[in-house]
């Protein structure tokens, strides 16, 4: 089943050794830590910033200047928050994978889920076609919606900046999937 956890797992498995990987705060870094199989060989970066949402594209662009091959995984709200960084992008090889769940996916996994006004205050759906916005900057972009498509996209060679928009299932569905997996883990630990 296509999920944010599977996205993290596929990326961690597919990237070659000595590749730089920037992982943004919030749900992406948690998904990598919780679900990707630990491995050596990747050069990983993260940037908490002020509140986790700021400067993620800019940081990834900076990382790319120091490596021949770089990737970044950034949530959709963090990506849109720093979209102006695309106005003067690096010429270095950087592929950004945008986790597009149409809002703040992490909040669906926290206690305020289901509260009055949740969608407006925490979910913050944007309804933006991120791939079209990226292309308006003259940057190549593609949209995927499955693990198979992600595998294929990661095998393609791109020069310069390229953006893969990973359309994810409903945020609530993703939160339920994470809860089910963590529940299974906790049951195994208790055995």
N, C-alpha and C. Protein backbone atom coordinates (compact mmCIF):
# COMPACT_ATOMS: atom_id res chain seq x y z
N UNK A 1 0.84 -1.18 0.00
CA UNK A 1 0.00 0.00 0.00
C UNK A 1 0.89 1.24 0.00
N UNK A 2 0.63 2.16 -0.93
CA UNK A 2 1.40 3.39 -1.07
C UNK A 2 1.17 4.28 0.14
N UNK A 3 2.26 4.64 0.80
CA UNK A 3 2.17 5.46 2.00
C UNK A 3 3.45 6.26 2.15
N UNK A 4 3.43 7.19 3.08
CA UNK A 4 4.62 7.98 3.36
C UNK A 4 5.72 7.12 3.96
N UNK A 5 5.34 6.11 4.73
CA UNK A 5 6.33 5.17 5.28
C UNK A 5 7.00 4.40 4.15
N UNK A 6 6.22 3.97 3.17
CA UNK A 6 6.80 3.24 2.04
C UNK A 6 7.70 4.14 1.21
N UNK A 7 7.33 5.39 1.05
CA UNK A 7 8.16 6.34 0.32
C UNK A 7 9.54 6.43 0.97
N UNK A 8 9.58 6.58 2.29
CA UNK A 8 10.86 6.66 3.01
C UNK A 8 11.67 5.38 2.83
N UNK A 9 11.01 4.25 2.91
CA UNK A 9 11.68 2.96 2.76
C UNK A 9 12.30 2.81 1.38
N UNK A 10 11.55 3.14 0.34
CA UNK A 10 12.04 3.02 -1.03
C UNK A 10 13.24 3.94 -1.26
N UNK A 11 13.14 5.18 -0.83
CA UNK A 11 14.24 6.12 -1.04
C UNK A 11 15.50 5.64 -0.34
N UNK A 12 15.38 5.21 0.90
CA UNK A 12 16.56 4.74 1.65
C UNK A 12 17.20 3.53 0.99
N UNK A 13 16.40 2.68 0.38
CA UNK A 13 16.93 1.49 -0.30
C UNK A 13 17.55 1.83 -1.65
N UNK A 14 16.96 2.75 -2.39
CA UNK A 14 17.35 3.01 -3.78
C UNK A 14 18.60 3.87 -3.95
N UNK A 15 18.81 4.82 -3.06
CA UNK A 15 19.91 5.75 -3.27
C UNK A 15 21.25 5.05 -3.10
N UNK A 16 22.19 5.43 -3.95
CA UNK A 16 23.51 4.82 -3.93
C UNK A 16 24.36 5.40 -2.81
N UNK A 17 25.38 4.65 -2.41
CA UNK A 17 26.33 5.14 -1.40
C UNK A 17 26.95 6.46 -1.86
N UNK A 18 27.34 7.26 -0.91
CA UNK A 18 27.97 8.57 -1.13
C UNK A 18 27.01 9.59 -1.74
N UNK A 19 25.72 9.31 -1.69
CA UNK A 19 24.71 10.26 -2.13
C UNK A 19 24.28 11.08 -0.91
N UNK A 20 24.11 12.38 -1.12
CA UNK A 20 23.62 13.24 -0.04
C UNK A 20 22.10 13.19 -0.02
N UNK A 21 21.55 13.10 1.19
CA UNK A 21 20.10 13.07 1.37
C UNK A 21 19.71 14.05 2.46
N UNK A 22 18.99 15.09 2.07
CA UNK A 22 18.45 16.05 3.03
C UNK A 22 17.01 15.63 3.33
N UNK A 23 16.67 15.54 4.62
CA UNK A 23 15.32 15.15 5.03
C UNK A 23 14.74 16.28 5.87
N UNK A 24 13.59 16.80 5.43
CA UNK A 24 13.00 17.92 6.15
C UNK A 24 12.36 17.47 7.46
N UNK A 25 12.11 18.43 8.30
CA UNK A 25 11.50 18.18 9.61
C UNK A 25 10.07 17.71 9.46
N UNK A 26 9.46 17.41 10.56
CA UNK A 26 8.07 17.02 10.68
C UNK A 26 7.89 15.56 10.26
N UNK A 27 6.92 15.26 9.42
CA UNK A 27 6.60 13.87 9.07
C UNK A 27 7.74 13.17 8.32
N UNK A 28 8.42 13.81 7.32
CA UNK A 28 9.46 13.08 6.59
C UNK A 28 10.58 12.51 7.47
N UNK A 29 11.13 13.29 8.37
CA UNK A 29 12.23 12.78 9.18
C UNK A 29 11.73 11.68 10.12
N UNK A 30 10.52 11.78 10.59
CA UNK A 30 9.95 10.72 11.44
C UNK A 30 9.73 9.44 10.64
N UNK A 31 9.28 9.58 9.40
CA UNK A 31 9.07 8.40 8.56
C UNK A 31 10.38 7.68 8.27
N UNK A 32 11.43 8.43 8.00
CA UNK A 32 12.73 7.79 7.75
C UNK A 32 13.23 7.09 9.00
N UNK A 33 13.12 7.76 10.14
CA UNK A 33 13.61 7.14 11.37
C UNK A 33 12.78 5.92 11.77
N UNK A 34 11.49 5.97 11.55
CA UNK A 34 10.61 4.89 11.99
C UNK A 34 10.53 3.72 11.02
N UNK A 35 10.64 3.98 9.71
CA UNK A 35 10.32 2.93 8.75
C UNK A 35 11.43 2.55 7.79
N UNK A 36 12.36 3.43 7.50
CA UNK A 36 13.44 3.08 6.57
C UNK A 36 14.44 2.16 7.27
N UNK A 37 14.93 1.19 6.53
CA UNK A 37 15.91 0.26 7.09
C UNK A 37 17.23 1.02 7.26
N UNK A 38 17.79 1.01 8.47
CA UNK A 38 19.06 1.71 8.70
C UNK A 38 20.16 1.17 7.78
N UNK A 39 20.97 2.07 7.29
CA UNK A 39 22.07 1.66 6.43
C UNK A 39 23.18 2.69 6.50
N UNK A 40 24.35 2.27 6.13
CA UNK A 40 25.46 3.21 6.04
C UNK A 40 25.61 3.59 4.57
N UNK A 41 26.41 4.58 4.32
CA UNK A 41 26.69 4.98 2.94
C UNK A 41 26.01 6.25 2.49
N UNK A 42 24.84 6.55 3.05
CA UNK A 42 24.18 7.80 2.71
C UNK A 42 24.73 8.92 3.58
N UNK A 43 24.86 10.08 3.01
CA UNK A 43 25.29 11.26 3.76
C UNK A 43 24.03 12.06 4.03
N UNK A 44 23.54 12.00 5.26
CA UNK A 44 22.24 12.60 5.57
C UNK A 44 22.36 13.96 6.25
N UNK A 45 21.40 14.80 5.94
CA UNK A 45 21.32 16.14 6.50
C UNK A 45 19.89 16.41 6.94
N UNK A 46 19.75 17.28 7.92
CA UNK A 46 18.45 17.77 8.35
C UNK A 46 18.64 19.18 8.87
N UNK A 47 17.56 19.94 8.91
CA UNK A 47 17.62 21.32 9.38
C UNK A 47 16.32 21.62 10.09
N UNK A 48 16.40 21.81 11.38
CA UNK A 48 15.18 22.09 12.15
C UNK A 48 14.67 23.51 11.88
N UNK A 49 15.56 24.45 11.66
CA UNK A 49 15.12 25.82 11.44
C UNK A 49 14.39 26.36 12.65
N UNK A 50 13.57 27.36 12.45
CA UNK A 50 12.83 27.97 13.54
C UNK A 50 11.69 27.07 14.01
N UNK A 51 10.90 26.58 13.06
CA UNK A 51 9.76 25.73 13.42
C UNK A 51 9.67 24.51 12.51
N UNK A 52 10.73 24.21 11.79
CA UNK A 52 10.75 23.03 10.94
C UNK A 52 10.27 23.26 9.53
N UNK A 53 9.54 24.32 9.29
CA UNK A 53 8.95 24.55 7.98
C UNK A 53 9.79 25.49 7.11
N UNK A 54 10.66 26.24 7.72
CA UNK A 54 11.37 27.28 6.98
C UNK A 54 12.72 26.83 6.43
N UNK A 55 13.05 27.29 5.23
CA UNK A 55 14.38 27.14 4.66
C UNK A 55 14.76 25.75 4.17
N UNK A 56 13.81 24.86 3.96
CA UNK A 56 14.16 23.50 3.56
C UNK A 56 14.69 23.40 2.13
N UNK A 57 14.06 24.06 1.18
CA UNK A 57 14.59 24.05 -0.19
C UNK A 57 15.96 24.72 -0.21
N UNK A 58 16.08 25.85 0.48
CA UNK A 58 17.36 26.56 0.52
C UNK A 58 18.47 25.70 1.10
N UNK A 59 18.17 24.98 2.17
CA UNK A 59 19.16 24.09 2.78
C UNK A 59 19.55 22.99 1.80
N UNK A 60 18.57 22.39 1.15
CA UNK A 60 18.86 21.32 0.18
C UNK A 60 19.71 21.84 -0.98
N UNK A 61 19.42 23.05 -1.44
CA UNK A 61 20.23 23.64 -2.51
C UNK A 61 21.67 23.86 -2.04
N UNK A 62 21.84 24.28 -0.79
CA UNK A 62 23.18 24.44 -0.24
C UNK A 62 23.92 23.12 -0.13
N UNK A 63 23.23 22.09 0.34
CA UNK A 63 23.83 20.76 0.44
C UNK A 63 24.31 20.30 -0.94
N UNK A 64 23.50 20.54 -1.96
CA UNK A 64 23.82 20.08 -3.31
C UNK A 64 25.10 20.69 -3.85
N UNK A 65 25.49 21.85 -3.37
CA UNK A 65 26.73 22.47 -3.86
C UNK A 65 27.96 21.69 -3.43
N UNK A 66 27.82 20.82 -2.45
CA UNK A 66 28.97 20.09 -1.90
C UNK A 66 29.02 18.62 -2.31
N UNK A 67 28.06 18.17 -3.13
CA UNK A 67 27.98 16.76 -3.50
C UNK A 67 27.67 16.62 -4.98
N UNK A 68 28.16 15.56 -5.59
CA UNK A 68 27.89 15.35 -7.01
C UNK A 68 26.46 14.87 -7.26
N UNK A 69 25.87 14.21 -6.28
CA UNK A 69 24.50 13.72 -6.41
C UNK A 69 23.78 13.94 -5.09
N UNK A 70 22.67 14.67 -5.13
CA UNK A 70 21.94 15.00 -3.91
C UNK A 70 20.44 14.80 -4.11
N UNK A 71 19.79 14.43 -3.01
CA UNK A 71 18.34 14.27 -2.97
C UNK A 71 17.82 14.98 -1.73
N UNK A 72 16.57 15.38 -1.80
CA UNK A 72 15.92 15.97 -0.63
C UNK A 72 14.49 15.46 -0.57
N UNK A 73 14.01 15.21 0.63
CA UNK A 73 12.62 14.82 0.85
C UNK A 73 12.01 15.91 1.72
N UNK A 74 11.00 16.59 1.17
CA UNK A 74 10.42 17.75 1.83
C UNK A 74 8.90 17.64 1.77
N UNK A 75 8.23 17.90 2.89
CA UNK A 75 6.78 17.91 2.91
C UNK A 75 6.22 19.06 2.09
N UNK A 76 4.98 18.92 1.66
CA UNK A 76 4.39 19.92 0.77
C UNK A 76 4.29 21.31 1.38
N UNK A 77 3.89 21.42 2.64
CA UNK A 77 3.79 22.75 3.25
C UNK A 77 5.16 23.40 3.41
N UNK A 78 6.16 22.63 3.81
CA UNK A 78 7.52 23.17 3.94
C UNK A 78 8.05 23.58 2.57
N UNK A 79 7.75 22.79 1.54
CA UNK A 79 8.17 23.11 0.18
C UNK A 79 7.54 24.42 -0.27
N UNK A 80 6.23 24.54 -0.11
CA UNK A 80 5.53 25.76 -0.53
C UNK A 80 5.99 26.98 0.27
N UNK A 81 6.32 26.77 1.55
CA UNK A 81 6.77 27.87 2.40
C UNK A 81 8.08 28.48 1.90
N UNK A 82 8.93 27.67 1.28
CA UNK A 82 10.25 28.12 0.82
C UNK A 82 10.34 28.16 -0.70
N UNK A 83 9.21 28.21 -1.38
CA UNK A 83 9.16 28.11 -2.84
C UNK A 83 9.98 29.19 -3.53
N UNK A 84 10.17 30.34 -2.91
CA UNK A 84 10.94 31.41 -3.54
C UNK A 84 12.40 31.01 -3.77
N UNK A 85 12.88 29.99 -3.08
CA UNK A 85 14.25 29.52 -3.30
C UNK A 85 14.44 28.97 -4.71
N UNK A 86 13.34 28.60 -5.38
CA UNK A 86 13.44 28.09 -6.74
C UNK A 86 13.70 29.19 -7.77
N UNK A 87 13.58 30.44 -7.37
CA UNK A 87 13.78 31.55 -8.29
C UNK A 87 15.22 31.63 -8.79
N UNK A 88 16.16 31.16 -7.99
CA UNK A 88 17.57 31.19 -8.37
C UNK A 88 18.22 29.87 -7.96
N UNK A 89 17.81 28.77 -8.59
CA UNK A 89 18.27 27.46 -8.12
C UNK A 89 19.72 27.16 -8.48
N UNK A 90 20.26 26.19 -7.79
CA UNK A 90 21.61 25.71 -8.06
C UNK A 90 21.66 25.01 -9.41
N UNK A 91 22.82 24.95 -9.98
CA UNK A 91 23.03 24.18 -11.21
C UNK A 91 23.50 22.77 -10.85
N UNK A 92 23.68 22.52 -9.56
CA UNK A 92 24.14 21.22 -9.11
C UNK A 92 23.02 20.19 -9.23
N UNK A 93 23.40 18.92 -9.22
CA UNK A 93 22.42 17.85 -9.35
C UNK A 93 21.68 17.64 -8.04
N UNK A 94 20.42 18.01 -8.04
CA UNK A 94 19.56 17.85 -6.87
C UNK A 94 18.18 17.41 -7.33
N UNK A 95 17.72 16.31 -6.76
CA UNK A 95 16.35 15.86 -6.97
C UNK A 95 15.59 16.04 -5.67
N UNK A 96 14.53 16.82 -5.71
CA UNK A 96 13.69 17.03 -4.54
C UNK A 96 12.44 16.18 -4.68
N UNK A 97 12.16 15.38 -3.66
CA UNK A 97 10.92 14.62 -3.61
C UNK A 97 9.99 15.34 -2.65
N UNK A 98 8.88 15.85 -3.17
CA UNK A 98 7.90 16.56 -2.35
C UNK A 98 6.81 15.56 -1.93
N UNK A 99 6.64 15.40 -0.64
CA UNK A 99 5.59 14.53 -0.10
C UNK A 99 4.30 15.35 -0.08
N UNK A 100 3.47 15.13 -1.10
CA UNK A 100 2.26 15.95 -1.26
C UNK A 100 1.03 15.22 -0.71
N UNK A 101 0.70 15.53 0.54
CA UNK A 101 -0.51 14.98 1.15
C UNK A 101 -1.56 16.08 1.35
N UNK A 102 -1.38 17.18 0.61
CA UNK A 102 -2.30 18.31 0.64
C UNK A 102 -2.49 18.88 2.04
N UNK A 103 -1.37 19.08 2.73
CA UNK A 103 -1.47 19.74 4.03
C UNK A 103 -0.48 19.24 5.04
N UNK A 104 -0.76 19.54 6.28
CA UNK A 104 0.12 19.18 7.39
C UNK A 104 -0.15 17.77 7.89
N UNK A 105 0.43 16.79 7.24
CA UNK A 105 0.17 15.39 7.55
C UNK A 105 0.52 14.98 8.96
N UNK A 106 1.53 15.60 9.54
CA UNK A 106 1.94 15.19 10.88
C UNK A 106 0.82 15.40 11.90
N UNK A 107 0.02 16.44 11.68
CA UNK A 107 -1.00 16.77 12.67
C UNK A 107 -2.11 15.71 12.76
N UNK A 108 -2.28 14.95 11.68
CA UNK A 108 -3.27 13.87 11.71
C UNK A 108 -2.82 12.71 12.58
N UNK A 109 -1.54 12.69 12.95
CA UNK A 109 -1.01 11.62 13.80
C UNK A 109 -0.95 12.04 15.27
N UNK A 110 -1.38 13.26 15.56
CA UNK A 110 -1.28 13.79 16.92
C UNK A 110 -2.66 13.91 17.57
N UNK A 111 -2.68 14.24 18.83
CA UNK A 111 -3.90 14.25 19.64
C UNK A 111 -5.00 15.17 19.19
N UNK A 112 -4.69 16.24 18.50
CA UNK A 112 -5.74 17.20 18.11
C UNK A 112 -6.56 16.72 16.91
N UNK A 113 -6.19 15.60 16.33
CA UNK A 113 -6.94 15.04 15.20
C UNK A 113 -8.41 14.88 15.59
N UNK A 114 -9.28 15.32 14.72
CA UNK A 114 -10.71 15.18 14.96
C UNK A 114 -11.34 16.32 15.74
N UNK A 115 -10.53 17.23 16.26
CA UNK A 115 -11.09 18.33 17.04
C UNK A 115 -11.77 19.34 16.11
N UNK A 116 -12.65 20.14 16.68
CA UNK A 116 -13.38 21.14 15.91
C UNK A 116 -12.39 22.10 15.25
N UNK A 117 -12.57 22.35 13.97
CA UNK A 117 -11.70 23.25 13.23
C UNK A 117 -10.37 22.64 12.83
N UNK A 118 -10.19 21.35 13.05
CA UNK A 118 -8.90 20.69 12.79
C UNK A 118 -8.39 20.95 11.37
N UNK A 119 -9.24 20.74 10.38
CA UNK A 119 -8.79 20.84 8.99
C UNK A 119 -8.29 22.24 8.67
N UNK A 120 -8.97 23.25 9.15
CA UNK A 120 -8.56 24.63 8.87
C UNK A 120 -7.30 25.01 9.63
N UNK A 121 -7.24 24.65 10.89
CA UNK A 121 -6.13 25.09 11.74
C UNK A 121 -4.89 24.22 11.59
N UNK A 122 -5.07 22.91 11.55
CA UNK A 122 -3.93 21.99 11.52
C UNK A 122 -3.73 21.32 10.16
N UNK A 123 -4.80 20.86 9.55
CA UNK A 123 -4.69 20.17 8.26
C UNK A 123 -4.20 21.08 7.16
N UNK A 124 -4.64 22.32 7.18
CA UNK A 124 -4.26 23.37 6.23
C UNK A 124 -4.13 22.88 4.78
N UNK A 125 -5.19 22.32 4.21
CA UNK A 125 -5.11 21.87 2.82
C UNK A 125 -4.83 23.04 1.89
N UNK A 126 -3.94 22.83 0.93
CA UNK A 126 -3.56 23.91 0.02
C UNK A 126 -4.18 23.76 -1.36
N UNK A 127 -4.45 22.56 -1.82
CA UNK A 127 -5.07 22.35 -3.12
C UNK A 127 -4.25 22.84 -4.30
N UNK A 128 -2.95 22.97 -4.13
CA UNK A 128 -2.07 23.51 -5.18
C UNK A 128 -1.46 22.38 -6.00
N UNK A 129 -1.42 22.57 -7.31
CA UNK A 129 -0.73 21.64 -8.21
C UNK A 129 0.76 21.99 -8.16
N UNK A 130 1.47 21.34 -7.27
CA UNK A 130 2.87 21.69 -7.01
C UNK A 130 3.73 21.50 -8.26
N UNK A 131 3.49 20.47 -9.02
CA UNK A 131 4.28 20.23 -10.22
C UNK A 131 4.16 21.39 -11.21
N UNK A 132 2.96 21.93 -11.37
CA UNK A 132 2.76 23.09 -12.26
C UNK A 132 3.49 24.32 -11.74
N UNK A 133 3.46 24.52 -10.43
CA UNK A 133 4.18 25.66 -9.85
C UNK A 133 5.67 25.52 -10.11
N UNK A 134 6.21 24.33 -9.90
CA UNK A 134 7.64 24.09 -10.14
C UNK A 134 7.99 24.37 -11.60
N UNK A 135 7.17 23.88 -12.51
CA UNK A 135 7.43 24.10 -13.94
C UNK A 135 7.37 25.58 -14.30
N UNK A 136 6.59 26.38 -13.56
CA UNK A 136 6.53 27.81 -13.84
C UNK A 136 7.86 28.51 -13.56
N UNK A 137 8.72 27.86 -12.77
CA UNK A 137 10.07 28.37 -12.53
C UNK A 137 11.05 27.88 -13.59
N UNK A 138 10.58 27.10 -14.56
CA UNK A 138 11.45 26.55 -15.59
C UNK A 138 12.23 25.33 -15.11
N UNK A 139 11.73 24.66 -14.09
CA UNK A 139 12.40 23.50 -13.50
C UNK A 139 11.61 22.24 -13.87
N UNK A 140 12.34 21.19 -14.23
CA UNK A 140 11.66 19.94 -14.61
C UNK A 140 10.99 19.31 -13.40
N UNK A 141 9.83 18.72 -13.64
CA UNK A 141 9.05 18.13 -12.56
C UNK A 141 8.23 16.97 -13.10
N UNK A 142 7.97 16.02 -12.24
CA UNK A 142 7.08 14.91 -12.58
C UNK A 142 6.26 14.57 -11.35
N UNK A 143 5.12 13.96 -11.59
CA UNK A 143 4.25 13.57 -10.49
C UNK A 143 4.14 12.05 -10.47
N UNK A 144 4.22 11.47 -9.27
CA UNK A 144 4.09 10.02 -9.11
C UNK A 144 3.03 9.73 -8.05
N UNK A 145 2.53 8.49 -8.06
CA UNK A 145 1.53 8.14 -7.05
C UNK A 145 1.60 6.67 -6.64
N UNK A 146 2.80 6.07 -6.74
CA UNK A 146 2.96 4.68 -6.31
C UNK A 146 4.43 4.39 -6.05
N UNK A 147 4.68 3.32 -5.31
CA UNK A 147 6.06 2.90 -5.04
C UNK A 147 6.76 2.52 -6.34
N UNK A 148 6.04 1.86 -7.24
CA UNK A 148 6.63 1.47 -8.52
C UNK A 148 7.09 2.70 -9.29
N UNK A 149 6.23 3.72 -9.34
CA UNK A 149 6.59 4.96 -10.04
C UNK A 149 7.77 5.64 -9.36
N UNK A 150 7.85 5.56 -8.03
CA UNK A 150 8.99 6.15 -7.31
C UNK A 150 10.27 5.41 -7.67
N UNK A 151 10.24 4.08 -7.69
CA UNK A 151 11.42 3.30 -8.09
C UNK A 151 11.91 3.75 -9.47
N UNK A 152 10.99 3.87 -10.42
CA UNK A 152 11.35 4.27 -11.78
C UNK A 152 11.91 5.69 -11.79
N UNK A 153 11.26 6.60 -11.08
CA UNK A 153 11.71 8.00 -11.05
C UNK A 153 13.11 8.13 -10.47
N UNK A 154 13.42 7.33 -9.45
CA UNK A 154 14.74 7.41 -8.82
C UNK A 154 15.83 6.81 -9.70
N UNK A 155 15.48 5.99 -10.66
CA UNK A 155 16.45 5.40 -11.58
C UNK A 155 16.78 6.33 -12.75
N UNK A 156 15.91 7.30 -13.00
CA UNK A 156 16.13 8.23 -14.10
C UNK A 156 17.25 9.20 -13.73
N UNK A 157 18.02 9.57 -14.73
CA UNK A 157 19.13 10.49 -14.50
C UNK A 157 18.69 11.89 -14.91
N UNK A 158 18.87 12.83 -14.00
CA UNK A 158 18.54 14.23 -14.25
C UNK A 158 19.77 15.07 -13.95
N UNK A 159 19.97 16.09 -14.73
CA UNK A 159 21.04 17.04 -14.42
C UNK A 159 20.39 18.32 -13.91
N UNK A 160 21.08 18.98 -13.03
CA UNK A 160 20.52 20.19 -12.44
C UNK A 160 19.44 19.85 -11.43
N UNK A 161 18.48 20.73 -11.31
CA UNK A 161 17.41 20.56 -10.33
C UNK A 161 16.21 19.86 -10.98
N UNK A 162 15.68 18.87 -10.28
CA UNK A 162 14.50 18.14 -10.73
C UNK A 162 13.61 17.91 -9.51
N UNK A 163 12.30 18.01 -9.69
CA UNK A 163 11.37 17.83 -8.58
C UNK A 163 10.40 16.69 -8.91
N UNK A 164 10.32 15.75 -7.97
CA UNK A 164 9.35 14.66 -8.05
C UNK A 164 8.26 14.96 -7.02
N UNK A 165 7.04 15.12 -7.47
CA UNK A 165 5.92 15.36 -6.56
C UNK A 165 5.24 14.01 -6.30
N UNK A 166 5.37 13.53 -5.07
CA UNK A 166 4.80 12.24 -4.69
C UNK A 166 3.41 12.48 -4.10
N UNK A 167 2.38 12.23 -4.92
CA UNK A 167 0.99 12.38 -4.46
C UNK A 167 0.67 11.23 -3.52
N UNK A 168 0.29 11.58 -2.31
CA UNK A 168 0.05 10.57 -1.28
C UNK A 168 -1.45 10.40 -1.05
N UNK A 169 -1.81 9.25 -0.46
CA UNK A 169 -3.22 9.05 -0.09
C UNK A 169 -3.65 10.08 0.96
N UNK A 170 -4.89 10.07 1.26
CA UNK A 170 -5.48 10.93 2.26
C UNK A 170 -4.65 10.95 3.55
N UNK A 171 -4.50 12.13 4.16
CA UNK A 171 -3.73 12.27 5.40
C UNK A 171 -4.26 11.39 6.52
N UNK A 172 -5.57 11.30 6.61
CA UNK A 172 -6.18 10.47 7.67
C UNK A 172 -5.84 9.00 7.46
N UNK A 173 -5.88 8.57 6.21
CA UNK A 173 -5.53 7.19 5.88
C UNK A 173 -4.08 6.91 6.24
N UNK A 174 -3.20 7.86 5.94
CA UNK A 174 -1.79 7.70 6.28
C UNK A 174 -1.61 7.61 7.80
N UNK A 175 -2.30 8.47 8.54
CA UNK A 175 -2.20 8.45 10.00
C UNK A 175 -2.70 7.12 10.56
N UNK A 176 -3.78 6.60 10.00
CA UNK A 176 -4.31 5.30 10.44
C UNK A 176 -3.31 4.19 10.14
N UNK A 177 -2.67 4.26 8.99
CA UNK A 177 -1.68 3.26 8.60
C UNK A 177 -0.48 3.28 9.55
N UNK A 178 -0.01 4.47 9.89
CA UNK A 178 1.11 4.61 10.83
C UNK A 178 0.72 4.05 12.19
N UNK A 179 -0.47 4.39 12.65
CA UNK A 179 -0.94 3.90 13.96
C UNK A 179 -1.02 2.38 13.97
N UNK A 180 -1.48 1.78 12.88
CA UNK A 180 -1.59 0.32 12.81
C UNK A 180 -0.21 -0.33 12.87
N UNK A 181 0.75 0.23 12.14
CA UNK A 181 2.11 -0.33 12.15
C UNK A 181 2.73 -0.19 13.53
N UNK A 182 2.61 0.97 14.14
CA UNK A 182 3.19 1.17 15.46
C UNK A 182 2.51 0.28 16.50
N UNK A 183 1.22 0.05 16.35
CA UNK A 183 0.51 -0.85 17.25
C UNK A 183 1.06 -2.28 17.11
N UNK A 184 1.31 -2.71 15.88
CA UNK A 184 1.89 -4.05 15.65
C UNK A 184 3.28 -4.14 16.28
N UNK A 185 4.09 -3.08 16.10
CA UNK A 185 5.43 -3.07 16.70
C UNK A 185 5.33 -3.21 18.22
N UNK A 186 4.43 -2.45 18.82
CA UNK A 186 4.33 -2.49 20.28
C UNK A 186 3.86 -3.86 20.76
N UNK A 187 2.99 -4.52 20.01
CA UNK A 187 2.55 -5.87 20.38
C UNK A 187 3.71 -6.86 20.29
N UNK A 188 4.56 -6.71 19.28
CA UNK A 188 5.71 -7.59 19.15
C UNK A 188 6.70 -7.40 20.29
N UNK A 189 6.88 -6.16 20.69
CA UNK A 189 7.80 -5.86 21.79
C UNK A 189 7.29 -6.45 23.09
N UNK A 190 5.98 -6.46 23.27
CA UNK A 190 5.40 -6.97 24.51
C UNK A 190 5.41 -8.49 24.58
N UNK A 191 5.64 -9.17 23.47
CA UNK A 191 5.66 -10.64 23.47
C UNK A 191 6.83 -11.16 24.19
